[in-house]
Protein backbone atom coordinates (compact mmCIF):
# COMPACT_ATOMS: atom_id res chain seq x y z
CA MET A 1 -25.01 -41.22 15.93
CA PRO A 2 -26.51 -38.00 17.34
CA GLY A 3 -25.05 -34.66 16.48
CA SER A 4 -23.44 -33.39 13.29
CA HIS A 5 -19.85 -34.04 12.31
CA LEU A 6 -17.42 -33.66 9.42
CA PRO A 7 -14.96 -36.18 8.00
CA TYR A 8 -11.54 -35.94 9.62
CA GLN A 9 -9.34 -36.53 6.56
CA ALA A 10 -8.95 -33.82 3.95
CA ASP A 11 -9.08 -36.39 1.15
CA SER A 12 -12.06 -38.32 2.52
CA THR A 13 -14.31 -39.81 -0.16
CA GLN A 14 -17.30 -39.10 2.08
CA VAL A 15 -17.13 -35.41 1.23
CA GLU A 16 -19.62 -34.42 -1.45
CA PRO A 17 -18.20 -33.43 -4.86
CA ALA A 18 -19.67 -29.92 -4.44
CA VAL A 19 -17.32 -29.29 -1.53
CA GLU A 20 -13.56 -28.96 -1.77
CA VAL A 21 -11.55 -29.74 1.37
CA LYS A 22 -8.05 -28.36 1.83
CA ALA A 23 -5.67 -29.01 4.70
CA ILE A 24 -4.32 -25.88 6.41
CA THR A 25 -0.59 -26.21 5.83
CA PRO A 26 2.29 -23.73 5.49
CA ALA A 27 2.07 -24.17 1.70
CA LEU A 28 -1.64 -23.28 1.69
CA LEU A 29 -1.06 -20.20 3.83
CA LEU A 30 1.69 -19.09 1.46
CA ASP A 31 -0.65 -19.48 -1.53
CA MET A 32 -3.40 -17.54 0.22
CA GLN A 33 -1.12 -14.72 1.30
CA PRO A 34 -1.89 -11.60 -0.75
CA GLY A 35 0.88 -10.05 -2.76
CA VAL A 36 2.41 -6.74 -1.88
CA ALA A 37 -0.25 -4.12 -2.55
CA ARG A 38 0.84 -1.19 -4.64
CA PRO A 39 -1.09 2.08 -4.40
CA LEU A 40 -3.50 2.45 -7.32
CA LEU A 41 -3.81 6.02 -8.59
CA ASP A 42 -7.13 6.96 -10.16
CA THR A 43 -6.15 9.43 -12.88
CA THR A 44 -9.81 10.34 -13.48
CA LEU A 45 -10.19 11.56 -9.91
CA LYS A 46 -6.94 13.49 -10.17
CA GLN A 47 -8.17 15.28 -13.30
CA GLN A 48 -11.54 16.07 -11.69
CA LEU A 49 -9.81 17.61 -8.69
CA SER A 50 -7.50 19.73 -10.84
CA HIS A 51 -10.43 21.10 -12.91
CA TYR A 52 -12.83 21.64 -10.04
CA ASP A 53 -14.49 25.04 -9.75
CA TYR A 54 -17.37 26.09 -7.54
CA LEU A 55 -20.62 27.26 -9.14
CA VAL A 56 -22.59 29.86 -7.21
CA GLY A 57 -26.13 28.93 -6.19
CA SER A 58 -29.18 30.31 -4.42
CA GLY A 59 -28.49 31.01 -0.75
CA ASP A 60 -24.79 31.75 -1.17
CA ILE A 61 -23.44 35.11 0.00
CA LEU A 62 -21.01 36.93 -2.27
CA ASN A 63 -18.40 39.42 -1.13
CA ILE A 64 -17.84 41.97 -3.91
CA THR A 65 -14.88 44.33 -3.64
CA VAL A 66 -14.39 47.38 -5.88
CA TRP A 67 -10.96 48.82 -5.13
CA ASP A 68 -10.76 52.55 -4.34
CA HIS A 69 -14.55 52.65 -3.99
CA PRO A 70 -15.38 51.72 -0.39
CA GLU A 71 -18.92 53.05 -0.78
CA LEU A 72 -19.52 50.16 -3.18
CA THR A 73 -17.45 47.60 -1.37
CA ILE A 74 -19.00 47.92 2.10
CA PRO A 75 -22.39 49.60 1.65
CA ALA A 76 -23.61 48.33 5.03
CA GLY A 77 -20.67 49.70 7.09
CA SER A 78 -17.28 48.47 8.24
CA MET A 79 -18.49 46.94 11.51
CA ARG A 80 -20.33 44.07 9.85
CA SER A 81 -18.91 40.69 8.89
CA PRO A 82 -18.50 39.69 5.23
CA GLN A 83 -21.51 37.37 5.61
CA GLU A 84 -23.64 40.22 6.98
CA ALA A 85 -22.41 42.80 4.51
CA GLY A 86 -22.30 40.52 1.51
CA ASN A 87 -24.74 40.08 -1.33
CA TRP A 88 -27.18 37.27 -0.82
CA VAL A 89 -28.08 35.21 -3.89
CA HIS A 90 -31.86 35.18 -3.97
CA SER A 91 -34.04 32.17 -4.66
CA ASP A 92 -34.34 33.21 -8.30
CA GLY A 93 -30.52 33.04 -8.60
CA SER A 94 -29.93 36.80 -8.83
CA ILE A 95 -28.25 39.57 -6.83
CA PHE A 96 -28.60 43.34 -6.86
CA TYR A 97 -25.55 45.60 -6.90
CA PRO A 98 -25.28 49.40 -7.20
CA TYR A 99 -24.88 50.65 -10.77
CA VAL A 100 -25.08 47.05 -11.97
CA GLY A 101 -28.68 46.37 -11.06
CA ARG A 102 -30.10 42.87 -11.10
CA LEU A 103 -27.61 40.22 -12.17
CA GLU A 104 -28.19 36.50 -12.73
CA VAL A 105 -25.35 34.66 -10.98
CA ALA A 106 -26.67 31.15 -10.16
CA GLY A 107 -24.65 28.48 -11.95
CA LEU A 108 -21.73 30.82 -12.68
CA LYS A 109 -18.13 30.77 -11.50
CA VAL A 110 -16.97 33.71 -9.40
CA THR A 111 -14.53 34.67 -12.16
CA ARG A 112 -17.42 35.02 -14.59
CA ILE A 113 -19.44 37.05 -12.07
CA ARG A 114 -16.43 39.32 -11.57
CA ASP A 115 -16.16 39.96 -15.31
CA LEU A 116 -19.89 40.74 -15.62
CA ILE A 117 -19.80 43.25 -12.75
CA ARG A 118 -16.62 44.87 -14.08
CA ASP A 119 -18.11 45.32 -17.56
CA ARG A 120 -21.26 46.97 -16.21
CA LEU A 121 -19.38 49.23 -13.78
CA ALA A 122 -17.07 50.38 -16.58
CA LYS A 123 -19.96 52.58 -17.83
CA PHE A 124 -19.74 54.59 -14.61
CA ILE A 125 -16.20 54.02 -13.26
CA GLU A 126 -13.04 54.24 -15.27
CA ASN A 127 -11.14 50.94 -15.32
CA PRO A 128 -12.84 49.39 -12.25
CA GLN A 129 -10.84 46.84 -10.26
CA VAL A 130 -13.31 44.19 -9.07
CA ASP A 131 -12.89 41.06 -7.00
CA VAL A 132 -15.61 38.55 -6.11
CA THR A 133 -15.42 35.82 -3.46
CA VAL A 134 -17.97 33.61 -1.75
CA ALA A 135 -18.37 34.75 1.86
CA ALA A 136 -20.73 31.91 2.84
CA PHE A 137 -21.34 28.60 1.06
CA ARG A 138 -24.98 27.71 1.64
CA SER A 139 -26.41 26.40 -1.61
CA LYS A 140 -24.78 23.01 -1.95
CA ARG A 141 -24.27 20.21 0.58
CA VAL A 142 -23.78 16.50 0.99
CA TYR A 143 -25.25 14.21 3.63
CA VAL A 144 -23.30 11.74 5.76
CA THR A 145 -25.32 9.05 7.57
CA GLY A 146 -24.72 5.75 9.29
CA LYS A 147 -21.87 4.71 11.55
CA VAL A 148 -19.70 7.79 11.63
CA ASN A 149 -18.96 9.72 14.80
CA LYS A 150 -20.62 12.95 13.61
CA PRO A 151 -23.35 12.25 11.04
CA GLY A 152 -24.91 15.30 9.41
CA THR A 153 -24.50 17.64 6.46
CA LEU A 154 -21.32 19.08 4.97
CA PRO A 155 -21.24 22.16 2.73
CA LEU A 156 -19.57 22.07 -0.65
CA THR A 157 -17.15 24.95 -1.03
CA ASN A 158 -14.57 26.22 -3.47
CA VAL A 159 -12.29 23.46 -2.15
CA PRO A 160 -13.18 20.08 -3.69
CA LEU A 161 -14.56 17.53 -1.25
CA THR A 162 -13.91 13.80 -1.66
CA LEU A 163 -15.46 10.77 0.01
CA LEU A 164 -12.40 10.25 2.21
CA GLU A 165 -12.40 13.88 3.35
CA ALA A 166 -16.14 13.78 4.07
CA ILE A 167 -15.68 10.74 6.34
CA SER A 168 -12.83 12.51 8.15
CA LEU A 169 -14.86 15.73 8.59
CA SER A 170 -17.67 13.61 10.04
CA GLY A 171 -15.44 12.43 12.87
CA GLY A 172 -14.20 9.26 11.19
CA LEU A 173 -15.70 5.79 11.35
CA ALA A 174 -17.49 4.63 14.48
CA GLU A 175 -16.37 1.46 16.24
CA SER A 176 -19.32 -0.51 14.84
CA ALA A 177 -18.80 0.67 11.24
CA ASP A 178 -18.19 -1.72 8.36
CA TRP A 179 -15.56 0.09 6.35
CA ASN A 180 -16.03 -2.36 3.49
CA ALA A 181 -19.68 -1.28 3.09
CA VAL A 182 -19.81 2.42 2.23
CA THR A 183 -22.39 3.58 -0.31
CA VAL A 184 -22.80 6.87 -2.14
CA THR A 185 -26.26 7.58 -3.54
CA ARG A 186 -26.37 10.01 -6.45
CA ASP A 187 -29.42 10.65 -8.63
CA GLY A 188 -31.11 7.57 -7.21
CA LYS A 189 -28.19 5.25 -8.03
CA GLU A 190 -25.91 3.60 -5.47
CA ARG A 191 -22.18 3.08 -5.76
CA HIS A 192 -20.30 0.89 -3.29
CA PHE A 193 -16.85 1.64 -1.90
CA SER A 194 -14.36 -0.09 0.38
CA LEU A 195 -12.48 2.20 2.73
CA ARG A 196 -10.27 -0.76 3.67
CA GLU A 197 -8.81 -0.76 0.15
CA LEU A 198 -8.49 3.02 0.25
CA TYR A 199 -6.80 3.21 3.67
CA GLN A 200 -4.64 0.09 3.60
CA GLU A 201 -3.85 -0.31 -0.10
CA GLY A 202 -4.02 3.27 -1.32
CA ASN A 203 -6.55 2.39 -4.02
CA THR A 204 -7.85 5.83 -4.98
CA ALA A 205 -10.45 4.21 -7.22
CA GLN A 206 -12.31 3.75 -3.92
CA ASN A 207 -12.43 7.54 -3.52
CA LEU A 208 -14.86 9.92 -5.20
CA LEU A 209 -15.29 13.63 -5.88
CA LEU A 210 -18.59 14.51 -4.23
CA GLN A 211 -21.37 16.43 -5.92
CA PRO A 212 -24.34 18.37 -4.49
CA ASP A 213 -26.96 16.24 -2.70
CA ASP A 214 -24.78 13.11 -2.57
CA ILE A 215 -25.78 10.82 0.31
CA ILE A 216 -22.95 8.91 2.00
CA HIS A 217 -23.95 5.97 4.17
CA VAL A 218 -21.61 3.84 6.29
CA ALA A 219 -23.23 0.52 7.18
CA ARG A 220 -23.02 -1.30 10.51
CA ASN A 221 -20.77 -4.31 10.76
CA ASP A 222 -23.68 -6.62 11.64
CA ASN A 223 -22.96 -8.80 8.61
CA ALA A 224 -19.21 -8.85 9.18
CA LYS A 225 -19.39 -11.92 11.39
CA VAL A 226 -17.97 -15.41 11.70
CA PHE A 227 -19.63 -18.31 13.48
CA VAL A 228 -17.90 -20.74 15.84
CA LEU A 229 -19.82 -23.98 16.39
CA GLY A 230 -19.29 -27.52 17.59
CA GLU A 231 -17.13 -28.74 20.46
CA VAL A 232 -16.04 -25.35 21.82
CA GLY A 233 -16.50 -23.74 25.21
CA LYS A 234 -19.12 -21.26 24.02
CA PRO A 235 -20.54 -21.55 20.48
CA GLN A 236 -21.28 -18.03 19.24
CA SER A 237 -21.03 -15.50 16.46
CA LEU A 238 -18.09 -13.07 16.48
CA THR A 239 -17.82 -9.68 14.83
CA LEU A 240 -14.83 -9.09 12.59
CA GLY A 241 -12.99 -5.96 13.62
CA ARG A 242 -11.19 -3.56 11.32
CA ASP A 243 -8.04 -5.67 11.57
CA GLY A 244 -9.91 -8.92 10.83
CA MET A 245 -9.59 -12.11 12.87
CA SER A 246 -7.52 -15.26 12.74
CA LEU A 247 -8.76 -18.81 13.30
CA ALA A 248 -6.83 -18.93 16.58
CA GLU A 249 -8.50 -15.73 17.79
CA ALA A 250 -11.96 -17.07 16.94
CA LEU A 251 -11.32 -20.31 18.83
CA ALA A 252 -10.01 -18.40 21.83
CA GLU A 253 -13.02 -16.03 21.86
CA ALA A 254 -15.32 -19.07 21.85
CA GLY A 255 -13.57 -20.60 24.86
CA GLY A 256 -11.26 -22.90 22.91
CA PHE A 257 -12.07 -26.41 21.73
CA SER A 258 -13.02 -28.96 24.36
CA GLU A 259 -10.10 -31.12 25.45
CA THR A 260 -12.47 -33.94 26.48
CA THR A 261 -14.95 -34.12 23.60
CA ALA A 262 -13.38 -32.40 20.58
CA ASN A 263 -11.37 -34.12 17.91
CA ALA A 264 -8.31 -31.87 17.57
CA SER A 265 -7.80 -33.24 14.06
CA GLY A 266 -11.26 -32.03 13.03
CA ILE A 267 -11.17 -28.23 13.18
CA PHE A 268 -12.80 -26.93 10.02
CA VAL A 269 -13.46 -23.57 8.39
CA LEU A 270 -16.40 -23.59 5.99
CA ARG A 271 -16.41 -20.79 3.43
CA LYS A 272 -18.73 -20.02 0.55
CA ALA A 273 -17.01 -20.99 -2.71
CA PRO A 274 -16.28 -18.26 -5.28
CA THR A 275 -18.98 -17.65 -7.86
CA GLY A 276 -18.43 -19.73 -10.97
CA SER A 277 -16.21 -22.29 -9.27
CA GLY A 278 -18.84 -25.01 -9.51
CA LYS A 279 -18.48 -25.66 -5.77
CA VAL A 280 -20.87 -24.95 -2.94
CA ALA A 281 -18.19 -24.37 -0.31
CA ASP A 282 -14.48 -24.48 0.37
CA VAL A 283 -13.60 -26.36 3.56
CA PHE A 284 -10.26 -25.85 5.29
CA GLN A 285 -9.12 -28.43 7.85
CA LEU A 286 -6.70 -27.80 10.69
CA ASP A 287 -5.09 -30.81 12.37
CA ALA A 288 -4.31 -29.47 15.83
CA ALA A 289 -3.55 -32.86 17.40
CA ASN A 290 -0.05 -31.45 17.63
CA ALA A 291 -0.43 -28.15 19.51
CA THR A 292 2.27 -26.51 17.41
CA ALA A 293 -0.22 -26.52 14.52
CA LEU A 294 -2.05 -23.71 16.32
CA VAL A 295 0.65 -21.43 14.94
CA LEU A 296 -0.95 -22.07 11.55
CA ALA A 297 -4.33 -21.18 13.05
CA ASP A 298 -2.95 -17.80 14.07
CA GLN A 299 -1.87 -17.15 10.48
CA PHE A 300 -5.12 -18.31 8.87
CA ARG A 301 -7.28 -15.21 8.33
CA LEU A 302 -11.04 -15.60 8.52
CA ARG A 303 -13.44 -13.88 6.15
CA GLN A 304 -16.93 -12.52 6.58
CA ARG A 305 -19.58 -15.25 7.13
CA ASP A 306 -17.01 -18.04 7.64
CA ILE A 307 -18.16 -20.94 9.82
CA VAL A 308 -15.63 -22.46 12.21
CA TYR A 309 -16.70 -25.96 13.21
CA VAL A 310 -14.95 -28.21 15.73
CA THR A 311 -16.16 -31.78 15.33
CA ALA A 312 -16.54 -34.28 18.15
CA ALA A 313 -14.18 -37.20 18.72
CA PRO A 314 -15.59 -40.62 17.79
CA VAL A 315 -15.60 -41.74 21.42
CA SER A 316 -17.63 -38.67 22.39
CA ARG A 317 -20.20 -39.42 19.71
CA TRP A 318 -20.34 -43.04 20.91
CA ASN A 319 -20.82 -41.85 24.50
CA ARG A 320 -23.76 -39.76 23.35
CA VAL A 321 -25.35 -42.85 21.81
CA ILE A 322 -24.85 -44.73 25.09
CA ASN A 323 -26.28 -41.85 27.11
CA GLN A 324 -29.40 -41.92 24.95
CA LEU A 325 -29.72 -45.70 25.28
CA LEU A 326 -29.14 -45.82 29.05
CA PRO A 327 -32.63 -44.59 30.09
CA SER A 328 -34.25 -47.26 27.92
CA LEU A 329 -31.88 -49.97 29.19
CA ASN A 330 -32.45 -48.93 32.80
CA GLY A 331 -36.19 -49.00 32.27
CA PHE A 332 -36.04 -52.43 30.63
CA TYR A 333 -33.83 -53.71 33.44
CA SER A 334 -36.19 -52.39 36.13
CA LEU A 335 -39.24 -53.87 34.38
CA THR A 336 -37.54 -57.26 34.08
CA ARG A 337 -36.54 -57.19 37.74
CA VAL A 338 -40.09 -56.38 38.87
CA ARG A 339 -41.49 -59.17 36.73
CA ASN A 340 -39.03 -61.68 38.18
CA ASP A 341 -39.88 -60.58 41.68
CA LEU A 342 -43.59 -61.10 41.02
CA GLN A 343 -42.96 -64.57 39.59
CA ASN A 344 -40.96 -65.53 42.64
């Protein structure tokens, strides 16, 4: 018979051994329901955040204060901003300061720079009180690309910046973003993260302390699709949103299954079997001959790249055979009639 179809019974012997068919029942939905997710705390990240300290680099502007010595603190005048009056770290990683001279500061913490300046000033000023801050952070940055609302660069400052914070500072995820496909490229190596686990389950292992020149990329959700085929109003591919999609939603988006040609007992979900299971696919069958079974369809959650297939009723497949035979039968009948007319 023309057209593809699937066996209607979950235990049919016609199904190949490489495919496992399971009926969608309340018991199956209960088994597939995930347990209560508990937030997972990444202690490594917590330690990194607690020990974070900014290292000065070329392009930064330092604000150096020597108390009771305004001529050293604001040599350019009081009307200028800290960025304008500060000490720019040159490309060779050094600054120049009165009485101190040239000082290598690149790669140092501000506390170390403060101590170096204080020790050199002590030759000229009794017990100098020195403070050093970064007036402008310009030497280190990370890059955010892909499907965020404000892609671009973000500076690294004396406040540690994590992956989650970088996404938020970039305007959050765009509507077409796949929050399960976020990559961070560091030193030519990619690491993959799932913001779904981070947002919904509190899994901080999916967060990361960013380092200079990290590249964050949020992929499009082009691959986060399911496919609805067979005896439905409009066979098509559907994009999974951030909240996912149920089997009932997919059928409704595709115009529902045909009341005249579909076999309500033959609604299937084909899913790639887990690696190492020895199976090619897992097939889940919904028997919607009783409309109340659609409640189960609303509770069955689809996954990325699932195929929803609604098979045709046997009578519909038989009608297709007849429709293909009718032109030949009509032609044979017409030819026979002409021949009889000629003989008569």
